[in-house]
Structures are given as structure tokens and as C-alpha cells.
C-alpha atoms as a PDB file:
ATOM      1  CA  MET A   1      25.229  11.992  11.766  1.00  0.00           C
ATOM      2  CA  GLN A   2      22.565  14.105  10.063  1.00  0.00           C
ATOM      3  CA  ARG A   3      24.874  14.521   7.057  1.00  0.00           C
ATOM      4  CA  HIS A   4      25.226  10.734   6.691  1.00  0.00           C
ATOM      5  CA  ILE A   5      21.488  10.103   7.008  1.00  0.00           C
ATOM      6  CA  ILE A   6      20.717  12.712   4.357  1.00  0.00           C
ATOM      7  CA  ALA A   7      23.425  11.316   2.069  1.00  0.00           C
ATOM      8  CA  TRP A   8      22.133   7.763   2.524  1.00  0.00           C
ATOM      9  CA  ALA A   9      18.466   8.697   1.990  1.00  0.00           C
ATOM     10  CA  SER A  10      19.262  10.785  -1.104  1.00  0.00           C
ATOM     11  CA  THR A  11      21.350   8.012  -2.622  1.00  0.00           C
ATOM     12  CA  ALA A  12      18.785   5.342  -1.741  1.00  0.00           C
ATOM     13  CA  LEU A  13      15.998   7.305  -3.408  1.00  0.00           C
ATOM     14  CA  VAL A  14      17.936   7.521  -6.665  1.00  0.00           C
ATOM     15  CA  PHE A  15      19.219   3.934  -6.535  1.00  0.00           C
ATOM     16  CA  VAL A  16      15.848   2.316  -5.802  1.00  0.00           C
ATOM     17  CA  ALA A  17      14.021   4.379  -8.440  1.00  0.00           C
ATOM     18  CA  LEU A  18      16.573   3.602 -11.160  1.00  0.00           C
ATOM     19  CA  ASP A  19      16.886  -0.077 -10.259  1.00  0.00           C
ATOM     20  CA  ALA A  20      13.104  -0.566 -10.102  1.00  0.00           C
ATOM     21  CA  PHE A  21      12.793   0.958 -13.570  1.00  0.00           C
ATOM     22  CA  TRP A  22      15.630  -1.216 -14.909  1.00  0.00           C
ATOM     23  CA  LEU A  23      14.363  -4.450 -13.403  1.00  0.00           C
ATOM     24  CA  SER A  24      10.806  -3.894 -14.613  1.00  0.00           C
ATOM     25  CA  THR A  25      12.031  -2.974 -18.099  1.00  0.00           C
ATOM     26  CA  MET A  26      14.628  -5.755 -18.389  1.00  0.00           C
ATOM     27  CA  GLN A  27      12.698  -8.526 -16.651  1.00  0.00           C
ATOM     28  CA  GLY A  28      12.300 -10.477 -19.889  1.00  0.00           C
ATOM     29  CA  PHE A  29      16.029 -10.361 -20.612  1.00  0.00           C
ATOM     30  CA  TYR A  30      16.908 -11.727 -17.181  1.00  0.00           C
ATOM     31  CA  ARG A  31      14.196 -14.392 -17.387  1.00  0.00           C
ATOM     32  CA  ARG A  32      15.479 -15.588 -20.782  1.00  0.00           C
ATOM     33  CA  ALA A  33      19.094 -15.532 -19.617  1.00  0.00           C
ATOM     34  CA  LEU A  34      18.544 -17.242 -16.269  1.00  0.00           C
ATOM     35  CA  GLY A  35      15.576 -19.476 -17.035  1.00  0.00           C
ATOM     36  CA  GLU A  36      14.935 -21.964 -14.243  1.00  0.00           C
ATOM     37  CA  LEU A  37      17.348 -20.213 -11.875  1.00  0.00           C
ATOM     38  CA  MET A  38      14.752 -17.464 -11.350  1.00  0.00           C
ATOM     39  CA  LEU A  39      11.750 -17.759  -9.081  1.00  0.00           C
ATOM     40  CA  GLU A  40       8.547 -18.244 -11.047  1.00  0.00           C
ATOM     41  CA  GLN A  41       6.852 -15.302  -9.354  1.00  0.00           C
ATOM     42  CA  GLY A  42       8.343 -12.194  -7.772  1.00  0.00           C
ATOM     43  CA  PHE A  43      11.369 -12.191  -5.501  1.00  0.00           C
ATOM     44  CA  ARG A  44      12.352 -12.810  -1.881  1.00  0.00           C
ATOM     45  CA  PRO A  45      12.038  -9.438  -0.095  1.00  0.00           C
ATOM     46  CA  ALA A  46      14.410 -10.049   2.852  1.00  0.00           C
ATOM     47  CA  PRO A  47      17.590 -10.699   0.809  1.00  0.00           C
ATOM     48  CA  ALA A  48      16.660  -7.871  -1.576  1.00  0.00           C
ATOM     49  CA  ILE A  49      16.260  -5.395   1.286  1.00  0.00           C
ATOM     50  CA  ILE A  50      19.518  -6.530   2.891  1.00  0.00           C
ATOM     51  CA  PHE A  51      21.314  -6.105  -0.443  1.00  0.00           C
ATOM     52  CA  TYR A  52      19.951  -2.574  -0.895  1.00  0.00           C
ATOM     53  CA  LEU A  53      20.927  -1.565   2.651  1.00  0.00           C
ATOM     54  CA  ILE A  54      24.482  -2.857   2.246  1.00  0.00           C
ATOM     55  CA  PHE A  55      25.077  -1.744  -1.329  1.00  0.00           C
ATOM     56  CA  ILE A  56      23.696   1.772  -0.901  1.00  0.00           C
ATOM     57  CA  SER A  57      25.822   2.130   2.228  1.00  0.00           C
ATOM     58  CA  GLY A  58      28.853   1.209   0.113  1.00  0.00           C
ATOM     59  CA  ILE A  59      28.045   3.895  -2.447  1.00  0.00           C
ATOM     60  CA  VAL A  60      27.644   6.458   0.322  1.00  0.00           C
ATOM     61  CA  VAL A  61      30.885   5.513   2.105  1.00  0.00           C
ATOM     62  CA  PHE A  62      33.065   5.179  -0.995  1.00  0.00           C
ATOM     63  CA  ALA A  63      31.547   7.809  -3.301  1.00  0.00           C
ATOM     64  CA  VAL A  64      29.005  10.205  -1.817  1.00  0.00           C
ATOM     65  CA  ALA A  65      30.698  11.052   1.501  1.00  0.00           C
ATOM     66  CA  PRO A  66      34.067  11.885  -0.118  1.00  0.00           C
ATOM     67  CA  ALA A  67      32.296  13.999  -2.744  1.00  0.00           C
ATOM     68  CA  LEU A  68      30.370  15.920  -0.091  1.00  0.00           C
ATOM     69  CA  ALA A  69      33.555  16.422   1.932  1.00  0.00           C
ATOM     70  CA  GLY A  70      35.242  17.873  -1.154  1.00  0.00           C
ATOM     71  CA  GLY A  71      32.249  20.003  -2.112  1.00  0.00           C
ATOM     72  CA  ARG A  72      31.976  18.512  -5.618  1.00  0.00           C
ATOM     73  CA  ALA A  73      29.575  15.863  -6.932  1.00  0.00           C
ATOM     74  CA  LEU A  74      31.648  14.670  -9.901  1.00  0.00           C
ATOM     75  CA  PRO A  75      33.922  12.409  -7.821  1.00  0.00           C
ATOM     76  CA  ALA A  76      30.791  10.587  -6.618  1.00  0.00           C
ATOM     77  CA  LEU A  77      30.056   9.684 -10.236  1.00  0.00           C
ATOM     78  CA  VAL A  78      33.542   8.280 -10.799  1.00  0.00           C
ATOM     79  CA  TYR A  79      33.926   6.508  -7.450  1.00  0.00           C
ATOM     80  CA  GLY A  80      30.337   5.272  -7.526  1.00  0.00           C
ATOM     81  CA  ALA A  81      30.780   3.846 -11.013  1.00  0.00           C
ATOM     82  CA  PHE A  82      34.020   2.122 -10.027  1.00  0.00           C
ATOM     83  CA  PHE A  83      32.439   0.703  -6.863  1.00  0.00           C
ATOM     84  CA  GLY A  84      29.508  -0.593  -8.924  1.00  0.00           C
ATOM     85  CA  PHE A  85      31.793  -2.079 -11.555  1.00  0.00           C
ATOM     86  CA  CYS A  86      33.887  -3.923  -8.960  1.00  0.00           C
ATOM     87  CA  SER A  87      30.865  -5.130  -7.006  1.00  0.00           C
ATOM     88  CA  TYR A  88      28.856  -6.309  -9.992  1.00  0.00           C
ATOM     89  CA  ALA A  89      31.988  -7.904 -11.481  1.00  0.00           C
ATOM     90  CA  THR A  90      32.402  -9.921  -8.294  1.00  0.00           C
ATOM     91  CA  TYR A  91      28.860 -11.265  -8.600  1.00  0.00           C
ATOM     92  CA  ASP A  92      28.682 -11.749 -12.360  1.00  0.00           C
ATOM     93  CA  LEU A  93      32.144 -13.181 -12.945  1.00  0.00           C
ATOM     94  CA  THR A  94      31.879 -15.531  -9.962  1.00  0.00           C
ATOM     95  CA  ASN A  95      28.590 -16.823 -11.351  1.00  0.00           C
ATOM     96  CA  GLN A  96      30.071 -17.154 -14.817  1.00  0.00           C
ATOM     97  CA  ALA A  97      33.019 -19.087 -13.376  1.00  0.00           C
ATOM     98  CA  THR A  98      30.988 -21.443 -11.182  1.00  0.00           C
ATOM     99  CA  LEU A  99      27.541 -21.983 -12.694  1.00  0.00           C
ATOM    100  CA  ALA A 100      26.873 -24.407 -15.504  1.00  0.00           C
ATOM    101  CA  ARG A 101      24.704 -21.893 -17.326  1.00  0.00           C
ATOM    102  CA  TRP A 102      25.549 -18.211 -16.970  1.00  0.00           C
ATOM    103  CA  PRO A 103      25.595 -16.381 -20.330  1.00  0.00           C
ATOM    104  CA  ALA A 104      28.420 -13.975 -21.125  1.00  0.00           C
ATOM    105  CA  SER A 105      25.789 -11.540 -22.433  1.00  0.00           C
ATOM    106  CA  LEU A 106      24.251 -11.439 -18.963  1.00  0.00           C
ATOM    107  CA  THR A 107      27.625 -10.648 -17.425  1.00  0.00           C
ATOM    108  CA  LEU A 108      28.223  -7.789 -19.865  1.00  0.00           C
ATOM    109  CA  VAL A 109      24.754  -6.264 -19.545  1.00  0.00           C
ATOM    110  CA  ASP A 110      24.627  -6.606 -15.769  1.00  0.00           C
ATOM    111  CA  LEU A 111      28.158  -5.240 -15.330  1.00  0.00           C
ATOM    112  CA  ALA A 112      27.324  -2.226 -17.487  1.00  0.00           C
ATOM    113  CA  TRP A 113      24.117  -1.668 -15.536  1.00  0.00           C
ATOM    114  CA  GLY A 114      25.846  -1.923 -12.150  1.00  0.00           C
ATOM    115  CA  THR A 115      28.428   0.614 -13.276  1.00  0.00           C
ATOM    116  CA  VAL A 116      25.860   3.110 -14.602  1.00  0.00           C
ATOM    117  CA  LEU A 117      23.449   2.594 -11.701  1.00  0.00           C
ATOM    118  CA  SER A 118      26.089   3.082  -9.033  1.00  0.00           C
ATOM    119  CA  GLY A 119      27.703   6.064 -10.757  1.00  0.00           C
ATOM    120  CA  ALA A 120      24.377   7.812 -11.309  1.00  0.00           C
ATOM    121  CA  SER A 121      23.201   7.034  -7.779  1.00  0.00           C
ATOM    122  CA  GLY A 122      26.427   8.372  -6.321  1.00  0.00           C
ATOM    123  CA  PHE A 123      26.346  11.527  -8.425  1.00  0.00           C
ATOM    124  CA  PHE A 124      22.674  12.406  -7.973  1.00  0.00           C
ATOM    125  CA  GLY A 125      22.747  11.262  -4.350  1.00  0.00           C
ATOM    126  CA  ALA A 126      25.602  13.714  -3.736  1.00  0.00           C
ATOM    127  CA  VAL A 127      23.831  16.511  -5.624  1.00  0.00           C
ATOM    128  CA  VAL A 128      20.552  16.060  -3.743  1.00  0.00           C
ATOM    129  CA  ALA A 129      22.279  15.633  -0.377  1.00  0.00           C
ATOM    130  CA  GLY A 130      24.400  18.724  -1.039  1.00  0.00           C
ATOM    131  CA  LEU A 131      21.319  20.788  -1.859  1.00  0.00           C
ATOM    132  CA  ILE A 132      19.466  19.597   1.237  1.00  0.00           C
ATOM    133  CA  LEU A 133      22.480  20.171   3.481  1.00  0.00           C
ATOM    134  CA  SER A 134      23.036  23.688   2.135  1.00  0.00           C
ATOM    135  CA  TRP A 135      19.330  24.445   2.505  1.00  0.00           C
ATOM    136  CA  ILE A 136      19.137  23.315   6.141  1.00  0.00           C
ATOM    137  CA  SER A 137      22.371  25.092   7.083  1.00  0.00           C
ATOM    138  CA  ALA A 138      21.447  28.382   5.383  1.00  0.00           C
ATOM    139  CA  PRO A 139      20.926  31.304   7.780  1.00  0.00           C
END
């Protein structure tokens, strides 16, 4: 259980830091692309928190845990990136298929970001978790 908590916390730290940077940097792009679909001010915290809890858990289950079990962080990069690509594709392509106004540029940028974010979070989450786990289990 301790291993999973450390893996989740390490991955969450990386994911939240990277995503906060991205969203603050790219806010104008999303506002221009989505226009009136976005809230005028801020965001709704409850759905955002639920998303982060679920999505980070997915990265840990499908990327970080297998990498830690194998003793190598690189698979977490690959599996994390693929998980992010599939997940963000589900969201972006569904929106593009069903909404009257969903720009293709938004799909491409967001899909690329989801892939990079999830791969990096998986990789660095696995690295940090591995270091912490080896440190606490050292004699």
C-alpha cells in the first residue's frame, strides 16, 4: 500500500505542476478556441479535482506501477504517453464530432499536450517514487 501511495503522490506532484504551468501559459489559446463555452472567471473546483484524482490514478495503474515493478522508469514514459493520448483523444475527438464549434487546432494541441503531460508525469513520477522507495528501504 505504501508503494502505491508514494507512486500516486509522486505522479500527482509532477502532473499538477506541469498542468498548472500549461493552463496558465495557454489560457489565451483555450479562451480564443472555446469562446463562450468557457466560464468567464476561473473554473469549477469539484469536477477538476475529481478529474485529477481519476486521471492520475490511471497513469499510476497503467504506467508507473508496471515501471516500478520492472525496476525501470522508461516504460512509464511510453505507457503514460499512450494512456494520455488515448484519454485526451476520447475527449477531444468526441467534442469535435459532437459540438458545433470545436476547432481542429484545439484537438491537435490538446492531444499533443495530453500525450506529453501523461508521459512526463509517468516517467518522473516513477523516477521520484523509485528514489523515495529505495531511500526508505535502505538499511
